[in-house]
PDB file of all heavy atoms in Angstrom:
ATOM      1  N   PRO A   1       0.813  -1.214   0.000  1.00  0.00           N
ATOM      2  CA  PRO A   1       0.000   0.000   0.000  1.00  0.00           C
ATOM      3  C   PRO A   1       0.852   1.273   0.000  1.00  0.00           C
ATOM      4  O   PRO A   1       0.792   2.083   0.907  1.00  0.00           O
ATOM      5  CB  PRO A   1      -0.850  -0.101   1.248  1.00  0.00           C
ATOM      6  CG  PRO A   1      -0.380  -1.251   2.009  1.00  0.00           C
ATOM      7  CD  PRO A   1       0.645  -1.964   1.211  1.00  0.00           C
ATOM      8  N   ALA A   2       1.654   1.448  -1.030  1.00  0.00           N
ATOM      9  CA  ALA A   2       2.440   2.669  -1.177  1.00  0.00           C
ATOM     10  C   ALA A   2       1.568   3.716  -1.867  1.00  0.00           C
ATOM     11  O   ALA A   2       0.468   3.430  -2.326  1.00  0.00           O
ATOM     12  CB  ALA A   2       3.682   2.375  -1.992  1.00  0.00           C
ATOM     13  N   ALA A   3       2.090   4.914  -1.949  1.00  0.00           N
ATOM     14  CA  ALA A   3       1.336   5.985  -2.593  1.00  0.00           C
ATOM     15  C   ALA A   3       1.112   5.623  -4.060  1.00  0.00           C
ATOM     16  O   ALA A   3       2.045   5.212  -4.748  1.00  0.00           O
ATOM     17  CB  ALA A   3       2.104   7.288  -2.493  1.00  0.00           C
ATOM     18  N   PRO A   4      -0.134   5.754  -4.544  1.00  0.00           N
ATOM     19  CA  PRO A   4      -0.401   5.400  -5.929  1.00  0.00           C
ATOM     20  C   PRO A   4       0.299   6.368  -6.872  1.00  0.00           C
ATOM     21  O   PRO A   4       0.483   7.543  -6.562  1.00  0.00           O
ATOM     22  CB  PRO A   4      -1.918   5.505  -6.053  1.00  0.00           C
ATOM     23  CG  PRO A   4      -2.327   6.413  -4.953  1.00  0.00           C
ATOM     24  CD  PRO A   4      -1.323   6.217  -3.855  1.00  0.00           C
ATOM     25  N   ALA A   5       0.697   5.848  -8.025  1.00  0.00           N
ATOM     26  CA  ALA A   5       1.351   6.691  -9.014  1.00  0.00           C
ATOM     27  C   ALA A   5       0.345   7.687  -9.562  1.00  0.00           C
ATOM     28  O   ALA A   5      -0.833   7.365  -9.724  1.00  0.00           O
ATOM     29  CB  ALA A   5       1.899   5.817 -10.142  1.00  0.00           C
ATOM     30  N   PRO A   6       0.783   8.907  -9.815  1.00  0.00           N
ATOM     31  CA  PRO A   6      -0.159   9.899 -10.332  1.00  0.00           C
ATOM     32  C   PRO A   6      -0.670   9.485 -11.710  1.00  0.00           C
ATOM     33  O   PRO A   6       0.069   8.928 -12.515  1.00  0.00           O
ATOM     34  CB  PRO A   6       0.660  11.189 -10.406  1.00  0.00           C
ATOM     35  CG  PRO A   6       2.078  10.790 -10.264  1.00  0.00           C
ATOM     36  CD  PRO A   6       2.106   9.449  -9.627  1.00  0.00           C
ATOM     37  N   SER A   7      -1.924   9.762 -11.966  1.00  0.00           N
ATOM     38  CA  SER A   7      -2.507   9.374 -13.240  1.00  0.00           C
ATOM     39  C   SER A   7      -1.951  10.263 -14.350  1.00  0.00           C
ATOM     40  O   SER A   7      -1.339  11.308 -14.098  1.00  0.00           O
ATOM     41  CB  SER A   7      -4.029   9.506 -13.191  1.00  0.00           C
ATOM     42  OG  SER A   7      -4.386  10.866 -13.105  1.00  0.00           O
ATOM     43  N   MET A   8      -2.176   9.845 -15.572  1.00  0.00           N
ATOM     44  CA  MET A   8      -1.676  10.593 -16.709  1.00  0.00           C
ATOM     45  C   MET A   8      -2.308  11.984 -16.760  1.00  0.00           C
ATOM     46  O   MET A   8      -1.637  12.974 -17.058  1.00  0.00           O
ATOM     47  CB  MET A   8      -1.951   9.837 -18.010  1.00  0.00           C
ATOM     48  CG  MET A   8      -1.317  10.489 -19.216  1.00  0.00           C
ATOM     49  SD  MET A   8      -1.672   9.708 -20.782  1.00  0.00           S
ATOM     50  CE  MET A   8      -1.181   8.049 -20.522  1.00  0.00           C
ATOM     51  N   ILE A   9      -3.572  12.057 -16.416  1.00  0.00           N
ATOM     52  CA  ILE A   9      -4.270  13.347 -16.434  1.00  0.00           C
ATOM     53  C   ILE A   9      -3.654  14.301 -15.409  1.00  0.00           C
ATOM     54  O   ILE A   9      -3.421  15.478 -15.701  1.00  0.00           O
ATOM     55  CB  ILE A   9      -5.781  13.154 -16.182  1.00  0.00           C
ATOM     56  CG1 ILE A   9      -6.386  12.366 -17.353  1.00  0.00           C
ATOM     57  CG2 ILE A   9      -6.478  14.476 -15.968  1.00  0.00           C
ATOM     58  CD1 ILE A   9      -7.822  11.979 -17.167  1.00  0.00           C
ATOM     59  N   ASP A  10      -3.369  13.776 -14.218  1.00  0.00           N
ATOM     60  CA  ASP A  10      -2.747  14.612 -13.191  1.00  0.00           C
ATOM     61  C   ASP A  10      -1.377  15.102 -13.652  1.00  0.00           C
ATOM     62  O   ASP A  10      -1.012  16.257 -13.422  1.00  0.00           O
ATOM     63  CB  ASP A  10      -2.610  13.842 -11.875  1.00  0.00           C
ATOM     64  CG  ASP A  10      -3.953  13.564 -11.230  1.00  0.00           C
ATOM     65  OD1 ASP A  10      -4.924  14.308 -11.525  1.00  0.00           O
ATOM     66  OD2 ASP A  10      -4.033  12.600 -10.433  1.00  0.00           O
ATOM     67  N   GLN A  11      -0.630  14.231 -14.289  1.00  0.00           N
ATOM     68  CA  GLN A  11       0.695  14.619 -14.773  1.00  0.00           C
ATOM     69  C   GLN A  11       0.590  15.677 -15.870  1.00  0.00           C
ATOM     70  O   GLN A  11       1.381  16.621 -15.903  1.00  0.00           O
ATOM     71  CB  GLN A  11       1.452  13.395 -15.278  1.00  0.00           C
ATOM     72  CG  GLN A  11       1.855  12.444 -14.166  1.00  0.00           C
ATOM     73  CD  GLN A  11       2.519  11.174 -14.699  1.00  0.00           C
ATOM     74  OE1 GLN A  11       2.433  10.862 -15.876  1.00  0.00           O
ATOM     75  NE2 GLN A  11       3.180  10.446 -13.814  1.00  0.00           N
ATOM     76  N   LEU A  12      -0.390  15.524 -16.759  1.00  0.00           N
ATOM     77  CA  LEU A  12      -0.585  16.521 -17.817  1.00  0.00           C
ATOM     78  C   LEU A  12      -1.003  17.872 -17.225  1.00  0.00           C
ATOM     79  O   LEU A  12      -0.547  18.926 -17.677  1.00  0.00           O
ATOM     80  CB  LEU A  12      -1.619  16.038 -18.833  1.00  0.00           C
ATOM     81  CG  LEU A  12      -1.157  14.916 -19.771  1.00  0.00           C
ATOM     82  CD1 LEU A  12      -2.335  14.379 -20.573  1.00  0.00           C
ATOM     83  CD2 LEU A  12      -0.057  15.400 -20.680  1.00  0.00           C
ATOM     84  N   LYS A  13      -1.851  17.851 -16.205  1.00  0.00           N
ATOM     85  CA  LYS A  13      -2.259  19.095 -15.542  1.00  0.00           C
ATOM     86  C   LYS A  13      -1.053  19.781 -14.914  1.00  0.00           C
ATOM     87  O   LYS A  13      -0.893  21.003 -15.007  1.00  0.00           O
ATOM     88  CB  LYS A  13      -3.311  18.810 -14.470  1.00  0.00           C
ATOM     89  CG  LYS A  13      -4.678  18.508 -15.015  1.00  0.00           C
ATOM     90  CD  LYS A  13      -5.642  18.240 -13.883  1.00  0.00           C
ATOM     91  CE  LYS A  13      -7.019  17.849 -14.403  1.00  0.00           C
ATOM     92  NZ  LYS A  13      -7.955  17.560 -13.305  1.00  0.00           N
ATOM     93  N   GLU A  14      -0.198  18.972 -14.266  1.00  0.00           N
ATOM     94  CA  GLU A  14       0.990  19.535 -13.634  1.00  0.00           C
ATOM     95  C   GLU A  14       1.920  20.145 -14.685  1.00  0.00           C
ATOM     96  O   GLU A  14       2.480  21.236 -14.477  1.00  0.00           O
ATOM     97  CB  GLU A  14       1.716  18.445 -12.845  1.00  0.00           C
ATOM     98  CG  GLU A  14       2.901  18.945 -12.059  1.00  0.00           C
ATOM     99  CD  GLU A  14       3.559  17.859 -11.244  1.00  0.00           C
ATOM    100  OE1 GLU A  14       2.880  16.883 -10.870  1.00  0.00           O
ATOM    101  OE2 GLU A  14       4.760  17.994 -10.992  1.00  0.00           O
ATOM    102  N   LEU A  15       2.066  19.460 -15.817  1.00  0.00           N
ATOM    103  CA  LEU A  15       2.889  20.010 -16.899  1.00  0.00           C
ATOM    104  C   LEU A  15       2.304  21.325 -17.404  1.00  0.00           C
ATOM    105  O   LEU A  15       3.038  22.292 -17.671  1.00  0.00           O
ATOM    106  CB  LEU A  15       2.994  19.014 -18.058  1.00  0.00           C
ATOM    107  CG  LEU A  15       3.990  17.860 -17.903  1.00  0.00           C
ATOM    108  CD1 LEU A  15       3.891  16.908 -19.080  1.00  0.00           C
ATOM    109  CD2 LEU A  15       5.404  18.376 -17.755  1.00  0.00           C
ATOM    110  N   GLY A  16       0.975  21.364 -17.564  1.00  0.00           N
ATOM    111  CA  GLY A  16       0.319  22.593 -18.003  1.00  0.00           C
ATOM    112  C   GLY A  16       0.549  23.737 -17.037  1.00  0.00           C
ATOM    113  O   GLY A  16       0.804  24.883 -17.444  1.00  0.00           O
ATOM    114  N   GLU A  17       0.486  23.448 -15.734  1.00  0.00           N
ATOM    115  CA  GLU A  17       0.717  24.481 -14.728  1.00  0.00           C
ATOM    116  C   GLU A  17       2.159  24.984 -14.785  1.00  0.00           C
ATOM    117  O   GLU A  17       2.410  26.189 -14.664  1.00  0.00           O
ATOM    118  CB  GLU A  17       0.395  23.934 -13.335  1.00  0.00           C
ATOM    119  CG  GLU A  17      -1.081  23.695 -13.099  1.00  0.00           C
ATOM    120  CD  GLU A  17      -1.354  22.996 -11.774  1.00  0.00           C
ATOM    121  OE1 GLU A  17      -0.417  22.772 -10.988  1.00  0.00           O
ATOM    122  OE2 GLU A  17      -2.531  22.676 -11.526  1.00  0.00           O
ATOM    123  N   LEU A  18       3.103  24.050 -14.975  1.00  0.00           N
ATOM    124  CA  LEU A  18       4.507  24.456 -15.072  1.00  0.00           C
ATOM    125  C   LEU A  18       4.739  25.326 -16.302  1.00  0.00           C
ATOM    126  O   LEU A  18       5.521  26.283 -16.263  1.00  0.00           O
ATOM    127  CB  LEU A  18       5.423  23.221 -15.103  1.00  0.00           C
ATOM    128  CG  LEU A  18       5.532  22.423 -13.807  1.00  0.00           C
ATOM    129  CD1 LEU A  18       6.307  21.134 -14.025  1.00  0.00           C
ATOM    130  CD2 LEU A  18       6.175  23.253 -12.717  1.00  0.00           C
ATOM    131  N   LYS A  19       4.040  25.011 -17.381  1.00  0.00           N
ATOM    132  CA  LYS A  19       4.164  25.819 -18.599  1.00  0.00           C
ATOM    133  C   LYS A  19       3.584  27.219 -18.373  1.00  0.00           C
ATOM    134  O   LYS A  19       4.182  28.232 -18.766  1.00  0.00           O
ATOM    135  CB  LYS A  19       3.439  25.134 -19.763  1.00  0.00           C
ATOM    136  CG  LYS A  19       3.532  25.892 -21.061  1.00  0.00           C
ATOM    137  CD  LYS A  19       2.717  25.208 -22.122  1.00  0.00           C
ATOM    138  CE  LYS A  19       2.406  26.199 -23.222  1.00  0.00           C
ATOM    139  NZ  LYS A  19       1.196  25.890 -23.920  1.00  0.00           N
ATOM    140  N   GLU A  20       2.427  27.292 -17.712  1.00  0.00           N
ATOM    141  CA  GLU A  20       1.791  28.585 -17.432  1.00  0.00           C
ATOM    142  C   GLU A  20       2.647  29.434 -16.507  1.00  0.00           C
ATOM    143  O   GLU A  20       2.682  30.662 -16.625  1.00  0.00           O
ATOM    144  CB  GLU A  20       0.413  28.375 -16.808  1.00  0.00           C
ATOM    145  CG  GLU A  20      -0.626  27.872 -17.775  1.00  0.00           C
ATOM    146  CD  GLU A  20      -1.952  27.584 -17.090  1.00  0.00           C
ATOM    147  OE1 GLU A  20      -2.120  27.925 -15.905  1.00  0.00           O
ATOM    148  OE2 GLU A  20      -2.819  26.992 -17.745  1.00  0.00           O
ATOM    149  N   GLN A  21       3.356  28.797 -15.573  1.00  0.00           N
ATOM    150  CA  GLN A  21       4.211  29.526 -14.638  1.00  0.00           C
ATOM    151  C   GLN A  21       5.514  29.971 -15.308  1.00  0.00           C
ATOM    152  O   GLN A  21       6.264  30.746 -14.739  1.00  0.00           O
ATOM    153  CB  GLN A  21       4.535  28.659 -13.418  1.00  0.00           C
ATOM    154  CG  GLN A  21       3.337  28.337 -12.564  1.00  0.00           C
ATOM    155  CD  GLN A  21       3.651  27.304 -11.486  1.00  0.00           C
ATOM    156  OE1 GLN A  21       4.790  26.832 -11.362  1.00  0.00           O
ATOM    157  NE2 GLN A  21       2.644  26.939 -10.698  1.00  0.00           N
ATOM    158  N   GLY A  22       5.781  29.455 -16.490  1.00  0.00           N
ATOM    159  CA  GLY A  22       7.002  29.831 -17.195  1.00  0.00           C
ATOM    160  C   GLY A  22       8.192  28.956 -16.859  1.00  0.00           C
ATOM    161  O   GLY A  22       9.320  29.235 -17.250  1.00  0.00           O
ATOM    162  N   VAL A  23       7.967  27.866 -16.107  1.00  0.00           N
ATOM    163  CA  VAL A  23       9.056  26.959 -15.756  1.00  0.00           C
ATOM    164  C   VAL A  23       9.461  26.139 -16.983  1.00  0.00           C
ATOM    165  O   VAL A  23      10.651  25.886 -17.201  1.00  0.00           O
ATOM    166  CB  VAL A  23       8.636  26.025 -14.589  1.00  0.00           C
ATOM    167  CG1 VAL A  23       9.708  25.012 -14.277  1.00  0.00           C
ATOM    168  CG2 VAL A  23       8.297  26.860 -13.362  1.00  0.00           C
ATOM    169  N   LEU A  24       8.479  25.754 -17.799  1.00  0.00           N
ATOM    170  CA  LEU A  24       8.739  24.981 -19.012  1.00  0.00           C
ATOM    171  C   LEU A  24       8.490  25.847 -20.237  1.00  0.00           C
ATOM    172  O   LEU A  24       7.543  26.638 -20.268  1.00  0.00           O
ATOM    173  CB  LEU A  24       7.812  23.754 -19.082  1.00  0.00           C
ATOM    174  CG  LEU A  24       8.006  22.653 -18.056  1.00  0.00           C
ATOM    175  CD1 LEU A  24       6.945  21.572 -18.247  1.00  0.00           C
ATOM    176  CD2 LEU A  24       9.382  22.032 -18.155  1.00  0.00           C
ATOM    177  N   THR A  25       9.329  25.662 -21.225  1.00  0.00           N
ATOM    178  CA  THR A  25       9.093  26.334 -22.505  1.00  0.00           C
ATOM    179  C   THR A  25       8.079  25.520 -23.295  1.00  0.00           C
ATOM    180  O   THR A  25       7.725  24.391 -22.918  1.00  0.00           O
ATOM    181  CB  THR A  25      10.399  26.442 -23.318  1.00  0.00           C
ATOM    182  OG1 THR A  25      10.843  25.132 -23.644  1.00  0.00           O
ATOM    183  CG2 THR A  25      11.479  27.189 -22.550  1.00  0.00           C
ATOM    184  N   GLU A  26       7.630  26.081 -24.408  1.00  0.00           N
ATOM    185  CA  GLU A  26       6.662  25.380 -25.258  1.00  0.00           C
ATOM    186  C   GLU A  26       7.244  24.065 -25.782  1.00  0.00           C
ATOM    187  O   GLU A  26       6.559  23.047 -25.801  1.00  0.00           O
ATOM    188  CB  GLU A  26       6.261  26.289 -26.433  1.00  0.00           C
ATOM    189  CG  GLU A  26       5.182  25.718 -27.323  1.00  0.00           C
ATOM    190  CD  GLU A  26       3.828  25.606 -26.623  1.00  0.00           C
ATOM    191  OE1 GLU A  26       3.478  26.487 -25.826  1.00  0.00           O
ATOM    192  OE2 GLU A  26       3.129  24.608 -26.867  1.00  0.00           O
ATOM    193  N   ASP A  27       8.510  24.093 -26.162  1.00  0.00           N
ATOM    194  CA  ASP A  27       9.154  22.872 -26.680  1.00  0.00           C
ATOM    195  C   ASP A  27       9.306  21.812 -25.586  1.00  0.00           C
ATOM    196  O   ASP A  27       9.072  20.623 -25.817  1.00  0.00           O
ATOM    197  CB  ASP A  27      10.522  23.205 -27.272  1.00  0.00           C
ATOM    198  CG  ASP A  27      10.420  24.057 -28.530  1.00  0.00           C
ATOM    199  OD1 ASP A  27       9.366  23.982 -29.207  1.00  0.00           O
ATOM    200  OD2 ASP A  27      11.395  24.774 -28.829  1.00  0.00           O
ATOM    201  N   GLU A  28       9.707  22.231 -24.389  1.00  0.00           N
ATOM    202  CA  GLU A  28       9.851  21.284 -23.273  1.00  0.00           C
ATOM    203  C   GLU A  28       8.496  20.678 -22.905  1.00  0.00           C
ATOM    204  O   GLU A  28       8.389  19.485 -22.639  1.00  0.00           O
ATOM    205  CB  GLU A  28      10.460  21.984 -22.051  1.00  0.00           C
ATOM    206  CG  GLU A  28      11.904  22.396 -22.234  1.00  0.00           C
ATOM    207  CD  GLU A  28      12.408  23.260 -21.082  1.00  0.00           C
ATOM    208  OE1 GLU A  28      11.592  23.951 -20.431  1.00  0.00           O
ATOM    209  OE2 GLU A  28      13.620  23.235 -20.841  1.00  0.00           O
ATOM    210  N   PHE A  29       7.481  21.543 -22.893  1.00  0.00           N
ATOM    211  CA  PHE A  29       6.133  21.066 -22.583  1.00  0.00           C
ATOM    212  C   PHE A  29       5.690  20.033 -23.617  1.00  0.00           C
ATOM    213  O   PHE A  29       5.175  18.970 -23.263  1.00  0.00           O
ATOM    214  CB  PHE A  29       5.147  22.236 -22.550  1.00  0.00           C
ATOM    215  CG  PHE A  29       3.710  21.810 -22.431  1.00  0.00           C
ATOM    216  CD1 PHE A  29       3.208  21.350 -21.225  1.00  0.00           C
ATOM    217  CD2 PHE A  29       2.859  21.848 -23.525  1.00  0.00           C
ATOM    218  CE1 PHE A  29       1.880  20.946 -21.103  1.00  0.00           C
ATOM    219  CE2 PHE A  29       1.537  21.445 -23.424  1.00  0.00           C
ATOM    220  CZ  PHE A  29       1.050  20.992 -22.214  1.00  0.00           C
TER     221      PHE A  29
END
């Protein structure tokens, strides 16, 4: 019973947030 892996949707949302914050460029995203 370890922490479940984040779903693909959650990971995509996190990537989108990082892009909006300017942490990721369009190409990296």
